[in-house]
Amino acid sequence: MLPLFADQGLTARLMAARRVGLEVPWDGRSFGGEDVAATVRRVMVEEEGKALARNAREMQGVFWDTARQGRYIDELVEHLQRRRRREQDAPCT
């Protein structure tokens, strides 16, 4: 992954931590061609890339599971509503 803008660096680190991709090393300003080539080689040629692809396919299943995503949204809304009720019921200080 080549994070270039805004939150892409955070997303790249998260995806690398989840073992669904690799972040290309960089010095904070630019990427070296050798680093890009080495990272692509690791993903496309080496055994490590097969594990990353398997993990990415599994994660894709989670992202495309609309029923699961709907439950997550419902649970978040319920949590926020409970929190709001607790705050409204709490005595003022």
PDB file of N, CA and C in Angstrom:
ATOM      1  N   MET A   1       0.849  -1.162   0.000  1.00  0.00           N
ATOM      2  CA  MET A   1       0.000   0.000   0.000  1.00  0.00           C
ATOM      3  C   MET A   1       0.897   1.229   0.000  1.00  0.00           C
ATOM      4  N   LEU A   2       0.514   2.208  -0.759  1.00  0.00           N
ATOM      5  CA  LEU A   2       1.269   3.450  -0.889  1.00  0.00           C
ATOM      6  C   LEU A   2       0.435   4.602  -0.340  1.00  0.00           C
ATOM      7  N   PRO A   3       0.497   4.846   0.971  1.00  0.00           N
ATOM      8  CA  PRO A   3      -0.303   5.937   1.530  1.00  0.00           C
ATOM      9  C   PRO A   3       0.283   7.292   1.133  1.00  0.00           C
ATOM     10  N   LEU A   4      -0.525   8.099   0.494  1.00  0.00           N
ATOM     11  CA  LEU A   4      -0.048   9.383  -0.011  1.00  0.00           C
ATOM     12  C   LEU A   4      -0.798  10.583   0.558  1.00  0.00           C
ATOM     13  N   PHE A   5      -2.018  10.398   1.054  1.00  0.00           N
ATOM     14  CA  PHE A   5      -2.851  11.552   1.366  1.00  0.00           C
ATOM     15  C   PHE A   5      -3.716  11.274   2.587  1.00  0.00           C
ATOM     16  N   ALA A   6      -3.903  12.275   3.404  1.00  0.00           N
ATOM     17  CA  ALA A   6      -4.844  12.288   4.530  1.00  0.00           C
ATOM     18  C   ALA A   6      -4.721  11.047   5.403  1.00  0.00           C
ATOM     19  N   ASP A   7      -5.802  10.282   5.519  1.00  0.00           N
ATOM     20  CA  ASP A   7      -5.826   9.139   6.440  1.00  0.00           C
ATOM     21  C   ASP A   7      -5.306   7.855   5.805  1.00  0.00           C
ATOM     22  N   GLN A   8      -4.739   7.925   4.614  1.00  0.00           N
ATOM     23  CA  GLN A   8      -4.279   6.711   3.944  1.00  0.00           C
ATOM     24  C   GLN A   8      -3.174   6.005   4.727  1.00  0.00           C
ATOM     25  N   GLY A   9      -2.326   6.758   5.412  1.00  0.00           N
ATOM     26  CA  GLY A   9      -1.272   6.143   6.215  1.00  0.00           C
ATOM     27  C   GLY A   9      -1.848   5.307   7.334  1.00  0.00           C
ATOM     28  N   LEU A  10      -2.845   5.843   8.010  1.00  0.00           N
ATOM     29  CA  LEU A  10      -3.514   5.110   9.082  1.00  0.00           C
ATOM     30  C   LEU A  10      -4.197   3.857   8.539  1.00  0.00           C
ATOM     31  N   THR A  11      -4.874   3.997   7.418  1.00  0.00           N
ATOM     32  CA  THR A  11      -5.548   2.851   6.798  1.00  0.00           C
ATOM     33  C   THR A  11      -4.530   1.795   6.375  1.00  0.00           C
ATOM     34  N   ALA A  12      -3.417   2.222   5.804  1.00  0.00           N
ATOM     35  CA  ALA A  12      -2.383   1.272   5.375  1.00  0.00           C
ATOM     36  C   ALA A  12      -1.825   0.507   6.569  1.00  0.00           C
ATOM     37  N   ARG A  13      -1.561   1.189   7.678  1.00  0.00           N
ATOM     38  CA  ARG A  13      -1.047   0.508   8.876  1.00  0.00           C
ATOM     39  C   ARG A  13      -2.076  -0.464   9.431  1.00  0.00           C
ATOM     40  N   LEU A  14      -3.345  -0.083   9.410  1.00  0.00           N
ATOM     41  CA  LEU A  14      -4.406  -0.967   9.885  1.00  0.00           C
ATOM     42  C   LEU A  14      -4.497  -2.220   9.015  1.00  0.00           C
ATOM     43  N   MET A  15      -4.475  -2.049   7.709  1.00  0.00           N
ATOM     44  CA  MET A  15      -4.552  -3.207   6.809  1.00  0.00           C
ATOM     45  C   MET A  15      -3.319  -4.101   6.953  1.00  0.00           C
ATOM     46  N   ALA A  16      -2.159  -3.505   7.162  1.00  0.00           N
ATOM     47  CA  ALA A  16      -0.949  -4.305   7.385  1.00  0.00           C
ATOM     48  C   ALA A  16      -1.060  -5.068   8.702  1.00  0.00           C
ATOM     49  N   ALA A  17      -1.583  -4.419   9.736  1.00  0.00           N
ATOM     50  CA  ALA A  17      -1.756  -5.092  11.030  1.00  0.00           C
ATOM     51  C   ALA A  17      -2.750  -6.243  10.925  1.00  0.00           C
ATOM     52  N   ARG A  18      -3.735  -6.109  10.071  1.00  0.00           N
ATOM     53  CA  ARG A  18      -4.732  -7.169   9.851  1.00  0.00           C
ATOM     54  C   ARG A  18      -4.220  -8.253   8.902  1.00  0.00           C
ATOM     55  N   ARG A  19      -3.009  -8.052   8.397  1.00  0.00           N
ATOM     56  CA  ARG A  19      -2.367  -9.021   7.504  1.00  0.00           C
ATOM     57  C   ARG A  19      -3.151  -9.227   6.207  1.00  0.00           C
ATOM     58  N   VAL A  20      -3.665  -8.122   5.656  1.00  0.00           N
ATOM     59  CA  VAL A  20      -4.337  -8.182   4.356  1.00  0.00           C
ATOM     60  C   VAL A  20      -3.568  -7.389   3.299  1.00  0.00           C
ATOM     61  N   GLY A  21      -2.442  -6.848   3.667  1.00  0.00           N
ATOM     62  CA  GLY A  21      -1.617  -6.097   2.737  1.00  0.00           C
ATOM     63  C   GLY A  21      -0.322  -5.704   3.408  1.00  0.00           C
ATOM     64  N   LEU A  22       0.570  -5.135   2.638  1.00  0.00           N
ATOM     65  CA  LEU A  22       1.847  -4.658   3.151  1.00  0.00           C
ATOM     66  C   LEU A  22       1.986  -3.178   2.843  1.00  0.00           C
ATOM     67  N   GLU A  23       2.548  -2.460   3.778  1.00  0.00           N
ATOM     68  CA  GLU A  23       2.808  -1.041   3.565  1.00  0.00           C
ATOM     69  C   GLU A  23       4.215  -0.889   2.993  1.00  0.00           C
ATOM     70  N   VAL A  24       4.351  -0.096   1.961  1.00  0.00           N
ATOM     71  CA  VAL A  24       5.663   0.170   1.381  1.00  0.00           C
ATOM     72  C   VAL A  24       6.424   1.087   2.336  1.00  0.00           C
ATOM     73  N   PRO A  25       7.643   0.707   2.723  1.00  0.00           N
ATOM     74  CA  PRO A  25       8.423   1.581   3.607  1.00  0.00           C
ATOM     75  C   PRO A  25       8.681   2.934   2.934  1.00  0.00           C
ATOM     76  N   TRP A  26       8.686   3.976   3.749  1.00  0.00           N
ATOM     77  CA  TRP A  26       8.975   5.296   3.204  1.00  0.00           C
ATOM     78  C   TRP A  26       9.616   6.154   4.276  1.00  0.00           C
ATOM     79  N   ASP A  27      10.221   7.252   3.875  1.00  0.00           N
ATOM     80  CA  ASP A  27      10.970   8.109   4.801  1.00  0.00           C
ATOM     81  C   ASP A  27      10.150   9.307   5.277  1.00  0.00           C
ATOM     82  N   GLY A  28       8.853   9.291   5.046  1.00  0.00           N
ATOM     83  CA  GLY A  28       8.006  10.405   5.451  1.00  0.00           C
ATOM     84  C   GLY A  28       7.800  11.430   4.346  1.00  0.00           C
ATOM     85  N   ARG A  29       8.608  11.327   3.292  1.00  0.00           N
ATOM     86  CA  ARG A  29       8.485  12.269   2.177  1.00  0.00           C
ATOM     87  C   ARG A  29       8.284  11.558   0.846  1.00  0.00           C
ATOM     88  N   SER A  30       8.930  10.396   0.693  1.00  0.00           N
ATOM     89  CA  SER A  30       8.850   9.714  -0.603  1.00  0.00           C
ATOM     90  C   SER A  30       9.089   8.217  -0.437  1.00  0.00           C
ATOM     91  N   PHE A  31       8.762   7.484  -1.495  1.00  0.00           N
ATOM     92  CA  PHE A  31       8.972   6.043  -1.547  1.00  0.00           C
ATOM     93  C   PHE A  31      10.150   5.765  -2.471  1.00  0.00           C
ATOM     94  N   GLY A  32      10.993   4.828  -2.084  1.00  0.00           N
ATOM     95  CA  GLY A  32      12.091   4.435  -2.957  1.00  0.00           C
ATOM     96  C   GLY A  32      11.637   3.356  -3.923  1.00  0.00           C
ATOM     97  N   GLY A  33      12.126   3.415  -5.144  1.00  0.00           N
ATOM     98  CA  GLY A  33      11.751   2.429  -6.152  1.00  0.00           C
ATOM     99  C   GLY A  33      12.076   1.012  -5.727  1.00  0.00           C
ATOM    100  N   GLU A  34      13.222   0.822  -5.071  1.00  0.00           N
ATOM    101  CA  GLU A  34      13.598  -0.519  -4.622  1.00  0.00           C
ATOM    102  C   GLU A  34      12.639  -1.027  -3.550  1.00  0.00           C
ATOM    103  N   ASP A  35      12.204  -0.131  -2.668  1.00  0.00           N
ATOM    104  CA  ASP A  35      11.248  -0.528  -1.627  1.00  0.00           C
ATOM    105  C   ASP A  35       9.906  -0.918  -2.232  1.00  0.00           C
ATOM    106  N   VAL A  36       9.460  -0.152  -3.230  1.00  0.00           N
ATOM    107  CA  VAL A  36       8.201  -0.485  -3.905  1.00  0.00           C
ATOM    108  C   VAL A  36       8.326  -1.846  -4.580  1.00  0.00           C
ATOM    109  N   ALA A  37       9.417  -2.056  -5.310  1.00  0.00           N
ATOM    110  CA  ALA A  37       9.620  -3.325  -6.011  1.00  0.00           C
ATOM    111  C   ALA A  37       9.691  -4.495  -5.031  1.00  0.00           C
ATOM    112  N   ALA A  38      10.397  -4.323  -3.923  1.00  0.00           N
ATOM    113  CA  ALA A  38      10.527  -5.401  -2.938  1.00  0.00           C
ATOM    114  C   ALA A  38       9.181  -5.737  -2.309  1.00  0.00           C
ATOM    115  N   THR A  39       8.379  -4.723  -2.033  1.00  0.00           N
ATOM    116  CA  THR A  39       7.066  -4.963  -1.433  1.00  0.00           C
ATOM    117  C   THR A  39       6.140  -5.661  -2.424  1.00  0.00           C
ATOM    118  N   VAL A  40       6.143  -5.220  -3.662  1.00  0.00           N
ATOM    119  CA  VAL A  40       5.321  -5.876  -4.691  1.00  0.00           C
ATOM    120  C   VAL A  40       5.763  -7.328  -4.856  1.00  0.00           C
ATOM    121  N   ARG A  41       7.067  -7.566  -4.848  1.00  0.00           N
ATOM    122  CA  ARG A  41       7.578  -8.933  -4.978  1.00  0.00           C
ATOM    123  C   ARG A  41       7.087  -9.809  -3.821  1.00  0.00           C
ATOM    124  N   ARG A  42       7.140  -9.272  -2.608  1.00  0.00           N
ATOM    125  CA  ARG A  42       6.666 -10.039  -1.443  1.00  0.00           C
ATOM    126  C   ARG A  42       5.208 -10.442  -1.603  1.00  0.00           C
ATOM    127  N   VAL A  43       4.392  -9.535  -2.125  1.00  0.00           N
ATOM    128  CA  VAL A  43       2.958  -9.803  -2.265  1.00  0.00           C
ATOM    129  C   VAL A  43       2.660 -10.721  -3.447  1.00  0.00           C
ATOM    130  N   MET A  44       3.330 -10.512  -4.558  1.00  0.00           N
ATOM    131  CA  MET A  44       2.978 -11.219  -5.793  1.00  0.00           C
ATOM    132  C   MET A  44       3.715 -12.539  -5.996  1.00  0.00           C
ATOM    133  N   VAL A  45       4.915 -12.679  -5.434  1.00  0.00           N
ATOM    134  CA  VAL A  45       5.749 -13.836  -5.741  1.00  0.00           C
ATOM    135  C   VAL A  45       5.957 -14.742  -4.535  1.00  0.00           C
ATOM    136  N   GLU A  46       6.207 -14.161  -3.395  1.00  0.00           N
ATOM    137  CA  GLU A  46       6.575 -14.953  -2.226  1.00  0.00           C
ATOM    138  C   GLU A  46       5.351 -15.582  -1.564  1.00  0.00           C
ATOM    139  N   GLU A  47       5.616 -16.575  -0.737  1.00  0.00           N
ATOM    140  CA  GLU A  47       4.560 -17.314  -0.034  1.00  0.00           C
ATOM    141  C   GLU A  47       3.713 -16.385   0.839  1.00  0.00           C
ATOM    142  N   GLU A  48       4.343 -15.374   1.382  1.00  0.00           N
ATOM    143  CA  GLU A  48       3.641 -14.398   2.224  1.00  0.00           C
ATOM    144  C   GLU A  48       2.437 -13.797   1.496  1.00  0.00           C
ATOM    145  N   GLY A  49       2.570 -13.586   0.206  1.00  0.00           N
ATOM    146  CA  GLY A  49       1.490 -12.998  -0.580  1.00  0.00           C
ATOM    147  C   GLY A  49       0.253 -13.869  -0.619  1.00  0.00           C
ATOM    148  N   LYS A  50       0.443 -15.195  -0.621  1.00  0.00           N
ATOM    149  CA  LYS A  50      -0.714 -16.099  -0.625  1.00  0.00           C
ATOM    150  C   LYS A  50      -1.516 -15.957   0.663  1.00  0.00           C
ATOM    151  N   ALA A  51      -0.825 -15.838   1.788  1.00  0.00           N
ATOM    152  CA  ALA A  51      -1.514 -15.651   3.069  1.00  0.00           C
ATOM    153  C   ALA A  51      -2.246 -14.312   3.091  1.00  0.00           C
ATOM    154  N   LEU A  52      -1.614 -13.279   2.565  1.00  0.00           N
ATOM    155  CA  LEU A  52      -2.265 -11.965   2.508  1.00  0.00           C
ATOM    156  C   LEU A  52      -3.527 -12.029   1.656  1.00  0.00           C
ATOM    157  N   ALA A  53      -3.458 -12.731   0.524  1.00  0.00           N
ATOM    158  CA  ALA A  53      -4.623 -12.853  -0.362  1.00  0.00           C
ATOM    159  C   ALA A  53      -5.752 -13.607   0.332  1.00  0.00           C
ATOM    160  N   ARG A  54      -5.418 -14.674   1.048  1.00  0.00           N
ATOM    161  CA  ARG A  54      -6.456 -15.421   1.793  1.00  0.00           C
ATOM    162  C   ARG A  54      -7.122 -14.527   2.829  1.00  0.00           C
ATOM    163  N   ASN A  55      -6.301 -13.800   3.586  1.00  0.00           N
ATOM    164  CA  ASN A  55      -6.847 -12.904   4.607  1.00  0.00           C
ATOM    165  C   ASN A  55      -7.712 -11.814   3.984  1.00  0.00           C
ATOM    166  N   ALA A  56      -7.289 -11.296   2.849  1.00  0.00           N
ATOM    167  CA  ALA A  56      -8.067 -10.251   2.168  1.00  0.00           C
ATOM    168  C   ALA A  56      -9.412 -10.794   1.705  1.00  0.00           C
ATOM    169  N   ARG A  57      -9.426 -12.028   1.192  1.00  0.00           N
ATOM    170  CA  ARG A  57     -10.705 -12.632   0.771  1.00  0.00           C
ATOM    171  C   ARG A  57     -11.643 -12.799   1.964  1.00  0.00           C
ATOM    172  N   GLU A  58     -11.100 -13.229   3.102  1.00  0.00           N
ATOM    173  CA  GLU A  58     -11.937 -13.377   4.298  1.00  0.00           C
ATOM    174  C   GLU A  58     -12.495 -12.030   4.736  1.00  0.00           C
ATOM    175  N   MET A  59     -11.654 -11.003   4.729  1.00  0.00           N
ATOM    176  CA  MET A  59     -12.109  -9.679   5.139  1.00  0.00           C
ATOM    177  C   MET A  59     -13.137  -9.138   4.149  1.00  0.00           C
ATOM    178  N   GLN A  60     -12.983  -9.447   2.884  1.00  0.00           N
ATOM    179  CA  GLN A  60     -13.953  -9.013   1.877  1.00  0.00           C
ATOM    180  C   GLN A  60     -15.333  -9.575   2.205  1.00  0.00           C
ATOM    181  N   GLY A  61     -15.369 -10.822   2.677  1.00  0.00           N
ATOM    182  CA  GLY A  61     -16.639 -11.423   3.068  1.00  0.00           C
ATOM    183  C   GLY A  61     -17.314 -10.653   4.190  1.00  0.00           C
ATOM    184  N   VAL A  62     -16.519 -10.150   5.117  1.00  0.00           N
ATOM    185  CA  VAL A  62     -17.068  -9.355   6.223  1.00  0.00           C
ATOM    186  C   VAL A  62     -17.634  -8.041   5.690  1.00  0.00           C
ATOM    187  N   PHE A  63     -16.877  -7.376   4.830  1.00  0.00           N
ATOM    188  CA  PHE A  63     -17.318  -6.083   4.305  1.00  0.00           C
ATOM    189  C   PHE A  63     -18.568  -6.202   3.453  1.00  0.00           C
ATOM    190  N   TRP A  64     -18.722  -7.298   2.722  1.00  0.00           N
ATOM    191  CA  TRP A  64     -19.862  -7.465   1.826  1.00  0.00           C
ATOM    192  C   TRP A  64     -21.061  -8.122   2.492  1.00  0.00           C
ATOM    193  N   ASP A  65     -20.955  -8.459   3.768  1.00  0.00           N
ATOM    194  CA  ASP A  65     -22.061  -9.076   4.500  1.00  0.00           C
ATOM    195  C   ASP A  65     -22.999  -7.959   4.963  1.00  0.00           C
ATOM    196  N   THR A  66     -23.985  -7.629   4.132  1.00  0.00           N
ATOM    197  CA  THR A  66     -24.857  -6.488   4.429  1.00  0.00           C
ATOM    198  C   THR A  66     -25.703  -6.716   5.668  1.00  0.00           C
ATOM    199  N   ALA A  67     -26.075  -7.957   5.951  1.00  0.00           N
ATOM    200  CA  ALA A  67     -26.850  -8.232   7.164  1.00  0.00           C
ATOM    201  C   ALA A  67     -26.007  -7.913   8.395  1.00  0.00           C
ATOM    202  N   ARG A  68     -24.748  -8.325   8.376  1.00  0.00           N
ATOM    203  CA  ARG A  68     -23.853  -8.047   9.506  1.00  0.00           C
ATOM    204  C   ARG A  68     -23.653  -6.546   9.661  1.00  0.00           C
ATOM    205  N   GLN A  69     -23.423  -5.854   8.553  1.00  0.00           N
ATOM    206  CA  GLN A  69     -23.217  -4.413   8.613  1.00  0.00           C
ATOM    207  C   GLN A  69     -24.463  -3.712   9.153  1.00  0.00           C
ATOM    208  N   GLY A  70     -25.633  -4.183   8.758  1.00  0.00           N
ATOM    209  CA  GLY A  70     -26.878  -3.624   9.282  1.00  0.00           C
ATOM    210  C   GLY A  70     -26.996  -3.817  10.782  1.00  0.00           C
ATOM    211  N   ARG A  71     -26.606  -5.001  11.273  1.00  0.00           N
ATOM    212  CA  ARG A  71     -26.633  -5.250  12.723  1.00  0.00           C
ATOM    213  C   ARG A  71     -25.666  -4.311  13.441  1.00  0.00           C
ATOM    214  N   TYR A  72     -24.493  -4.102  12.871  1.00  0.00           N
ATOM    215  CA  TYR A  72     -23.526  -3.193  13.492  1.00  0.00           C
ATOM    216  C   TYR A  72     -24.112  -1.789  13.614  1.00  0.00           C
ATOM    217  N   ILE A  73     -24.776  -1.334  12.576  1.00  0.00           N
ATOM    218  CA  ILE A  73     -25.379   0.000  12.608  1.00  0.00           C
ATOM    219  C   ILE A  73     -26.489   0.052  13.650  1.00  0.00           C
ATOM    220  N   ASP A  74     -27.344  -0.977  13.692  1.00  0.00           N
ATOM    221  CA  ASP A  74     -28.420  -1.024  14.684  1.00  0.00           C
ATOM    222  C   ASP A  74     -27.855  -1.000  16.101  1.00  0.00           C
ATOM    223  N   GLU A  75     -26.797  -1.769  16.342  1.00  0.00           N
ATOM    224  CA  GLU A  75     -26.187  -1.809  17.672  1.00  0.00           C
ATOM    225  C   GLU A  75     -25.585  -0.461  18.045  1.00  0.00           C
ATOM    226  N   LEU A  76     -24.977   0.218  17.087  1.00  0.00           N
ATOM    227  CA  LEU A  76     -24.417   1.536  17.356  1.00  0.00           C
ATOM    228  C   LEU A  76     -25.520   2.524  17.709  1.00  0.00           C
ATOM    229  N   VAL A  77     -26.605   2.522  16.956  1.00  0.00           N
ATOM    230  CA  VAL A  77     -27.723   3.427  17.229  1.00  0.00           C
ATOM    231  C   VAL A  77     -28.297   3.149  18.614  1.00  0.00           C
ATOM    232  N   GLU A  78     -28.497   1.870  18.953  1.00  0.00           N
ATOM    233  CA  GLU A  78     -29.016   1.516  20.278  1.00  0.00           C
ATOM    234  C   GLU A  78     -28.077   1.988  21.374  1.00  0.00           C
ATOM    235  N   HIS A  79     -26.787   1.808  21.186  1.00  0.00           N
ATOM    236  CA  HIS A  79     -25.806   2.253  22.176  1.00  0.00           C
ATOM    237  C   HIS A  79     -25.885   3.769  22.376  1.00  0.00           C
ATOM    238  N   LEU A  80     -25.942   4.511  21.283  1.00  0.00           N
ATOM    239  CA  LEU A  80     -26.010   5.968  21.380  1.00  0.00           C
ATOM    240  C   LEU A  80     -27.301   6.423  22.050  1.00  0.00           C
ATOM    241  N   GLN A  81     -28.413   5.750  21.750  1.00  0.00           N
ATOM    242  CA  GLN A  81     -29.682   6.111  22.382  1.00  0.00           C
ATOM    243  C   GLN A  81     -29.643   5.826  23.883  1.00  0.00           C
ATOM    244  N   ARG A  82     -29.086   4.677  24.294  1.00  0.00           N
ATOM    245  CA  ARG A  82     -28.967   4.363  25.729  1.00  0.00           C
ATOM    246  C   ARG A  82     -28.095   5.392  26.435  1.00  0.00           C
ATOM    247  N   ARG A  83     -27.007   5.747  25.805  1.00  0.00           N
ATOM    248  CA  ARG A  83     -26.102   6.722  26.406  1.00  0.00           C
ATOM    249  C   ARG A  83     -26.795   8.071  26.569  1.00  0.00           C
ATOM    250  N   ARG A  84     -27.536   8.471  25.558  1.00  0.00           N
ATOM    251  CA  ARG A  84     -28.240   9.752  25.632  1.00  0.00           C
ATOM    252  C   ARG A  84     -29.274   9.732  26.758  1.00  0.00           C
ATOM    253  N   ARG A  85     -30.018   8.614  26.885  1.00  0.00           N
ATOM    254  CA  ARG A  85     -31.011   8.513  27.963  1.00  0.00           C
ATOM    255  C   ARG A  85     -30.341   8.596  29.332  1.00  0.00           C
ATOM    256  N   ARG A  86     -29.200   7.923  29.485  1.00  0.00           N
ATOM    257  CA  ARG A  86     -28.488   7.977  30.770  1.00  0.00           C
ATOM    258  C   ARG A  86     -28.057   9.400  31.087  1.00  0.00           C
ATOM    259  N   GLU A  87     -27.563  10.111  30.086  1.00  0.00           N
ATOM    260  CA  GLU A  87     -27.127  11.488  30.305  1.00  0.00           C
ATOM    261  C   GLU A  87     -28.307  12.391  30.648  1.00  0.00           C
ATOM    262  N   GLN A  88     -29.459  12.152  30.023  1.00  0.00           N
ATOM    263  CA  GLN A  88     -30.638  12.964  30.307  1.00  0.00           C
ATOM    264  C   GLN A  88     -31.189  12.664  31.696  1.00  0.00           C
ATOM    265  N   ASP A  89     -31.068  11.416  32.147  1.00  0.00           N
ATOM    266  CA  ASP A  89     -31.587  11.020  33.456  1.00  0.00           C
ATOM    267  C   ASP A  89     -30.643  11.366  34.595  1.00  0.00           C
ATOM    268  N   ALA A  90     -29.394  11.657  34.293  1.00  0.00           N
ATOM    269  CA  ALA A  90     -28.409  11.951  35.338  1.00  0.00           C
ATOM    270  C   ALA A  90     -28.717  13.314  35.949  1.00  0.00           C
ATOM    271  N   PRO A  91     -28.543  13.426  37.276  1.00  0.00           N
ATOM    272  CA  PRO A  91     -28.785  14.726  37.921  1.00  0.00           C
ATOM    273  C   PRO A  91     -27.735  15.745  37.480  1.00  0.00           C
ATOM    274  N   CYS A  92     -28.168  16.988  37.364  1.00  0.00           N
ATOM    275  CA  CYS A  92     -27.256  18.069  36.983  1.00  0.00           C
ATOM    276  C   CYS A  92     -26.348  18.384  38.155  1.00  0.00           C
ATOM    277  N   THR A  93     -25.120  18.716  37.868  1.00  0.00           N
ATOM    278  CA  THR A  93     -24.164  19.059  38.938  1.00  0.00           C
ATOM    279  C   THR A  93     -23.805  20.501  38.901  1.00  0.00           C
TER     280      THR A  93
END
